[in-house]
Amino acid sequence: MPRKKLDRQKDYIQFVIDTEDKKAFDTWCLANGTTMSDVIRKEIAPYIAKGKKLLKEGE
């Protein structure tokens, strides 16, 4: 039985990173049991919250 497709709206953020920097970051992530996506989500979460607040105030 096919899985029901969830109605999710997502945008993707892409950025350029030096090959050696990515290798170093991937090594750090592996050593700490995390992923680049997890780190980025955690780091930008406060700015997303502030932006949502600004959007709500502008309504």
PDB file of N, CA and C in Angstrom:
ATOM      1  N   MET A   1       0.847  -1.184   0.000  1.00  0.00           N
ATOM      2  CA  MET A   1       0.000   0.000   0.000  1.00  0.00           C
ATOM      3  C   MET A   1       0.888   1.241   0.000  1.00  0.00           C
ATOM      4  N   PRO A   2       0.654   2.171  -0.930  1.00  0.00           N
ATOM      5  CA  PRO A   2       1.489   3.374  -0.995  1.00  0.00           C
ATOM      6  C   PRO A   2       1.276   4.271   0.226  1.00  0.00           C
ATOM      7  N   ARG A   3       2.347   4.936   0.596  1.00  0.00           N
ATOM      8  CA  ARG A   3       2.263   5.854   1.730  1.00  0.00           C
ATOM      9  C   ARG A   3       1.526   7.122   1.317  1.00  0.00           C
ATOM     10  N   LYS A   4       0.796   7.690   2.265  1.00  0.00           N
ATOM     11  CA  LYS A   4       0.091   8.941   2.022  1.00  0.00           C
ATOM     12  C   LYS A   4       1.114  10.072   2.007  1.00  0.00           C
ATOM     13  N   LYS A   5       1.062  10.890   0.976  1.00  0.00           N
ATOM     14  CA  LYS A   5       1.995  12.010   0.877  1.00  0.00           C
ATOM     15  C   LYS A   5       1.558  13.110   1.839  1.00  0.00           C
ATOM     16  N   LEU A   6       2.488  13.541   2.678  1.00  0.00           N
ATOM     17  CA  LEU A   6       2.189  14.604   3.625  1.00  0.00           C
ATOM     18  C   LEU A   6       2.252  15.950   2.933  1.00  0.00           C
ATOM     19  N   ASP A   7       1.367  16.837   3.336  1.00  0.00           N
ATOM     20  CA  ASP A   7       1.321  18.167   2.740  1.00  0.00           C
ATOM     21  C   ASP A   7       2.300  19.080   3.477  1.00  0.00           C
ATOM     22  N   ARG A   8       3.551  19.015   3.081  1.00  0.00           N
ATOM     23  CA  ARG A   8       4.593  19.830   3.713  1.00  0.00           C
ATOM     24  C   ARG A   8       5.116  20.846   2.716  1.00  0.00           C
ATOM     25  N   GLN A   9       5.304  22.034   3.209  1.00  0.00           N
ATOM     26  CA  GLN A   9       5.908  23.064   2.378  1.00  0.00           C
ATOM     27  C   GLN A   9       7.283  23.362   2.944  1.00  0.00           C
ATOM     28  N   LYS A  10       8.305  23.122   2.139  1.00  0.00           N
ATOM     29  CA  LYS A  10       9.667  23.353   2.597  1.00  0.00           C
ATOM     30  C   LYS A  10      10.454  24.068   1.514  1.00  0.00           C
ATOM     31  N   ASP A  11      11.307  24.948   1.941  1.00  0.00           N
ATOM     32  CA  ASP A  11      12.278  25.583   1.062  1.00  0.00           C
ATOM     33  C   ASP A  11      13.643  25.064   1.470  1.00  0.00           C
ATOM     34  N   TYR A  12      14.550  25.090   0.547  1.00  0.00           N
ATOM     35  CA  TYR A  12      15.897  24.608   0.814  1.00  0.00           C
ATOM     36  C   TYR A  12      16.867  25.768   0.757  1.00  0.00           C
ATOM     37  N   ILE A  13      17.788  25.792   1.700  1.00  0.00           N
ATOM     38  CA  ILE A  13      18.824  26.809   1.757  1.00  0.00           C
ATOM     39  C   ILE A  13      20.119  26.163   1.287  1.00  0.00           C
ATOM     40  N   GLN A  14      20.764  26.809   0.335  1.00  0.00           N
ATOM     41  CA  GLN A  14      22.041  26.304  -0.146  1.00  0.00           C
ATOM     42  C   GLN A  14      23.090  27.392   0.051  1.00  0.00           C
ATOM     43  N   PHE A  15      24.305  26.973   0.332  1.00  0.00           N
ATOM     44  CA  PHE A  15      25.397  27.931   0.445  1.00  0.00           C
ATOM     45  C   PHE A  15      26.689  27.268   0.002  1.00  0.00           C
ATOM     46  N   VAL A  16      27.634  28.091  -0.328  1.00  0.00           N
ATOM     47  CA  VAL A  16      28.932  27.607  -0.797  1.00  0.00           C
ATOM     48  C   VAL A  16      29.868  27.482   0.403  1.00  0.00           C
ATOM     49  N   ILE A  17      30.604  26.382   0.442  1.00  0.00           N
ATOM     50  CA  ILE A  17      31.579  26.163   1.506  1.00  0.00           C
ATOM     51  C   ILE A  17      32.831  25.538   0.877  1.00  0.00           C
ATOM     52  N   ASP A  18      33.970  25.978   1.339  1.00  0.00           N
ATOM     53  CA  ASP A  18      35.244  25.452   0.863  1.00  0.00           C
ATOM     54  C   ASP A  18      35.311  23.941   1.115  1.00  0.00           C
ATOM     55  N   THR A  19      35.856  23.204   0.183  1.00  0.00           N
ATOM     56  CA  THR A  19      35.923  21.740   0.282  1.00  0.00           C
ATOM     57  C   THR A  19      36.603  21.281   1.568  1.00  0.00           C
ATOM     58  N   GLU A  20      37.711  21.905   1.917  1.00  0.00           N
ATOM     59  CA  GLU A  20      38.424  21.516   3.147  1.00  0.00           C
ATOM     60  C   GLU A  20      37.618  21.866   4.396  1.00  0.00           C
ATOM     61  N   ASP A  21      36.915  22.997   4.368  1.00  0.00           N
ATOM     62  CA  ASP A  21      36.071  23.382   5.498  1.00  0.00           C
ATOM     63  C   ASP A  21      34.930  22.387   5.677  1.00  0.00           C
ATOM     64  N   LYS A  22      34.335  21.949   4.565  1.00  0.00           N
ATOM     65  CA  LYS A  22      33.238  20.974   4.649  1.00  0.00           C
ATOM     66  C   LYS A  22      33.751  19.650   5.206  1.00  0.00           C
ATOM     67  N   LYS A  23      34.920  19.241   4.759  1.00  0.00           N
ATOM     68  CA  LYS A  23      35.500  17.991   5.261  1.00  0.00           C
ATOM     69  C   LYS A  23      35.726  18.088   6.776  1.00  0.00           C
ATOM     70  N   ALA A  24      36.245  19.220   7.226  1.00  0.00           N
ATOM     71  CA  ALA A  24      36.488  19.418   8.657  1.00  0.00           C
ATOM     72  C   ALA A  24      35.171  19.439   9.431  1.00  0.00           C
ATOM     73  N   PHE A  25      34.167  20.121   8.888  1.00  0.00           N
ATOM     74  CA  PHE A  25      32.873  20.194   9.562  1.00  0.00           C
ATOM     75  C   PHE A  25      32.204  18.828   9.602  1.00  0.00           C
ATOM     76  N   ASP A  26      32.256  18.086   8.509  1.00  0.00           N
ATOM     77  CA  ASP A  26      31.681  16.738   8.480  1.00  0.00           C
ATOM     78  C   ASP A  26      32.351  15.833   9.515  1.00  0.00           C
ATOM     79  N   THR A  27      33.656  15.977   9.668  1.00  0.00           N
ATOM     80  CA  THR A  27      34.388  15.200  10.668  1.00  0.00           C
ATOM     81  C   THR A  27      33.908  15.549  12.071  1.00  0.00           C
ATOM     82  N   TRP A  28      33.730  16.845  12.327  1.00  0.00           N
ATOM     83  CA  TRP A  28      33.226  17.298  13.626  1.00  0.00           C
ATOM     84  C   TRP A  28      31.823  16.755  13.874  1.00  0.00           C
ATOM     85  N   CYS A  29      30.960  16.841  12.863  1.00  0.00           N
ATOM     86  CA  CYS A  29      29.587  16.342  12.997  1.00  0.00           C
ATOM     87  C   CYS A  29      29.580  14.852  13.329  1.00  0.00           C
ATOM     88  N   LEU A  30      30.395  14.093  12.628  1.00  0.00           N
ATOM     89  CA  LEU A  30      30.474  12.651  12.864  1.00  0.00           C
ATOM     90  C   LEU A  30      30.926  12.372  14.296  1.00  0.00           C
ATOM     91  N   ALA A  31      31.921  13.104  14.761  1.00  0.00           N
ATOM     92  CA  ALA A  31      32.445  12.915  16.116  1.00  0.00           C
ATOM     93  C   ALA A  31      31.417  13.301  17.181  1.00  0.00           C
ATOM     94  N   ASN A  32      30.496  14.216  16.826  1.00  0.00           N
ATOM     95  CA  ASN A  32      29.507  14.697  17.791  1.00  0.00           C
ATOM     96  C   ASN A  32      28.105  14.147  17.553  1.00  0.00           C
ATOM     97  N   GLY A  33      27.973  13.225  16.602  1.00  0.00           N
ATOM     98  CA  GLY A  33      26.682  12.591  16.357  1.00  0.00           C
ATOM     99  C   GLY A  33      25.602  13.535  15.896  1.00  0.00           C
ATOM    100  N   THR A  34      25.957  14.475  15.056  1.00  0.00           N
ATOM    101  CA  THR A  34      24.983  15.442  14.557  1.00  0.00           C
ATOM    102  C   THR A  34      25.154  15.596  13.049  1.00  0.00           C
ATOM    103  N   THR A  35      24.339  16.450  12.454  1.00  0.00           N
ATOM    104  CA  THR A  35      24.443  16.717  11.022  1.00  0.00           C
ATOM    105  C   THR A  35      24.521  18.215  10.790  1.00  0.00           C
ATOM    106  N   MET A  36      24.978  18.589   9.604  1.00  0.00           N
ATOM    107  CA  MET A  36      25.046  20.007   9.262  1.00  0.00           C
ATOM    108  C   MET A  36      23.650  20.627   9.341  1.00  0.00           C
ATOM    109  N   SER A  37      22.649  19.916   8.873  1.00  0.00           N
ATOM    110  CA  SER A  37      21.275  20.437   8.911  1.00  0.00           C
ATOM    111  C   SER A  37      20.828  20.709  10.344  1.00  0.00           C
ATOM    112  N   ASP A  38      21.136  19.799  11.257  1.00  0.00           N
ATOM    113  CA  ASP A  38      20.761  20.001  12.657  1.00  0.00           C
ATOM    114  C   ASP A  38      21.429  21.250  13.239  1.00  0.00           C
ATOM    115  N   VAL A  39      22.706  21.419  12.938  1.00  0.00           N
ATOM    116  CA  VAL A  39      23.454  22.573  13.457  1.00  0.00           C
ATOM    117  C   VAL A  39      22.871  23.870  12.893  1.00  0.00           C
ATOM    118  N   ILE A  40      22.610  23.888  11.600  1.00  0.00           N
ATOM    119  CA  ILE A  40      22.072  25.100  10.966  1.00  0.00           C
ATOM    120  C   ILE A  40      20.688  25.422  11.522  1.00  0.00           C
ATOM    121  N   ARG A  41      19.818  24.404  11.632  1.00  0.00           N
ATOM    122  CA  ARG A  41      18.476  24.643  12.187  1.00  0.00           C
ATOM    123  C   ARG A  41      18.558  25.248  13.584  1.00  0.00           C
ATOM    124  N   LYS A  42      19.439  24.688  14.412  1.00  0.00           N
ATOM    125  CA  LYS A  42      19.588  25.181  15.791  1.00  0.00           C
ATOM    126  C   LYS A  42      20.094  26.625  15.807  1.00  0.00           C
ATOM    127  N   GLU A  43      21.043  26.916  14.930  1.00  0.00           N
ATOM    128  CA  GLU A  43      21.637  28.258  14.909  1.00  0.00           C
ATOM    129  C   GLU A  43      20.684  29.329  14.387  1.00  0.00           C
ATOM    130  N   ILE A  44      19.818  28.987  13.435  1.00  0.00           N
ATOM    131  CA  ILE A  44      18.932  30.010  12.868  1.00  0.00           C
ATOM    132  C   ILE A  44      17.569  30.065  13.551  1.00  0.00           C
ATOM    133  N   ALA A  45      17.289  29.128  14.443  1.00  0.00           N
ATOM    134  CA  ALA A  45      15.988  29.077  15.118  1.00  0.00           C
ATOM    135  C   ALA A  45      15.604  30.396  15.804  1.00  0.00           C
ATOM    136  N   PRO A  46      16.514  31.076  16.529  1.00  0.00           N
ATOM    137  CA  PRO A  46      16.123  32.334  17.172  1.00  0.00           C
ATOM    138  C   PRO A  46      15.723  33.408  16.153  1.00  0.00           C
ATOM    139  N   TYR A  47      16.382  33.425  15.011  1.00  0.00           N
ATOM    140  CA  TYR A  47      16.063  34.426  13.993  1.00  0.00           C
ATOM    141  C   TYR A  47      14.724  34.128  13.326  1.00  0.00           C
ATOM    142  N   ILE A  48      14.417  32.854  13.175  1.00  0.00           N
ATOM    143  CA  ILE A  48      13.120  32.462  12.630  1.00  0.00           C
ATOM    144  C   ILE A  48      12.014  32.887  13.596  1.00  0.00           C
ATOM    145  N   ALA A  49      12.216  32.659  14.879  1.00  0.00           N
ATOM    146  CA  ALA A  49      11.223  33.045  15.887  1.00  0.00           C
ATOM    147  C   ALA A  49      11.005  34.558  15.872  1.00  0.00           C
ATOM    148  N   LYS A  50      12.087  35.318  15.786  1.00  0.00           N
ATOM    149  CA  LYS A  50      11.963  36.776  15.741  1.00  0.00           C
ATOM    150  C   LYS A  50      11.252  37.225  14.464  1.00  0.00           C
ATOM    151  N   GLY A  51      11.551  36.574  13.361  1.00  0.00           N
ATOM    152  CA  GLY A  51      10.892  36.903  12.103  1.00  0.00           C
ATOM    153  C   GLY A  51       9.405  36.599  12.142  1.00  0.00           C
ATOM    154  N   LYS A  52       9.041  35.465  12.741  1.00  0.00           N
ATOM    155  CA  LYS A  52       7.615  35.125  12.877  1.00  0.00           C
ATOM    156  C   LYS A  52       6.901  36.152  13.734  1.00  0.00           C
ATOM    157  N   LYS A  53       7.583  36.615  14.782  1.00  0.00           N
ATOM    158  CA  LYS A  53       6.994  37.641  15.639  1.00  0.00           C
ATOM    159  C   LYS A  53       6.768  38.928  14.847  1.00  0.00           C
ATOM    160  N   LEU A  54       7.737  39.326  14.046  1.00  0.00           N
ATOM    161  CA  LEU A  54       7.597  40.521  13.220  1.00  0.00           C
ATOM    162  C   LEU A  54       6.453  40.372  12.210  1.00  0.00           C
ATOM    163  N   LEU A  55       6.347  39.181  11.609  1.00  0.00           N
ATOM    164  CA  LEU A  55       5.251  38.937  10.667  1.00  0.00           C
ATOM    165  C   LEU A  55       3.902  39.033  11.358  1.00  0.00           C
ATOM    166  N   LYS A  56       3.819  38.476  12.547  1.00  0.00           N
ATOM    167  CA  LYS A  56       2.558  38.510  13.305  1.00  0.00           C
ATOM    168  C   LYS A  56       2.187  39.939  13.675  1.00  0.00           C
ATOM    169  N   GLU A  57       3.162  40.737  14.078  1.00  0.00           N
ATOM    170  CA  GLU A  57       2.916  42.138  14.441  1.00  0.00           C
ATOM    171  C   GLU A  57       2.481  42.954  13.228  1.00  0.00           C
ATOM    172  N   GLY A  58       2.927  42.568  12.046  1.00  0.00           N
ATOM    173  CA  GLY A  58       2.604  43.296  10.835  1.00  0.00           C
ATOM    174  C   GLY A  58       1.225  42.986  10.278  1.00  0.00           C
ATOM    175  N   GLU A  59       0.554  41.996  10.840  1.00  0.00           N
ATOM    176  CA  GLU A  59      -0.786  41.621  10.334  1.00  0.00           C
ATOM    177  C   GLU A  59      -1.833  42.613  10.755  1.00  0.00           C
TER     178      GLU A  59
END
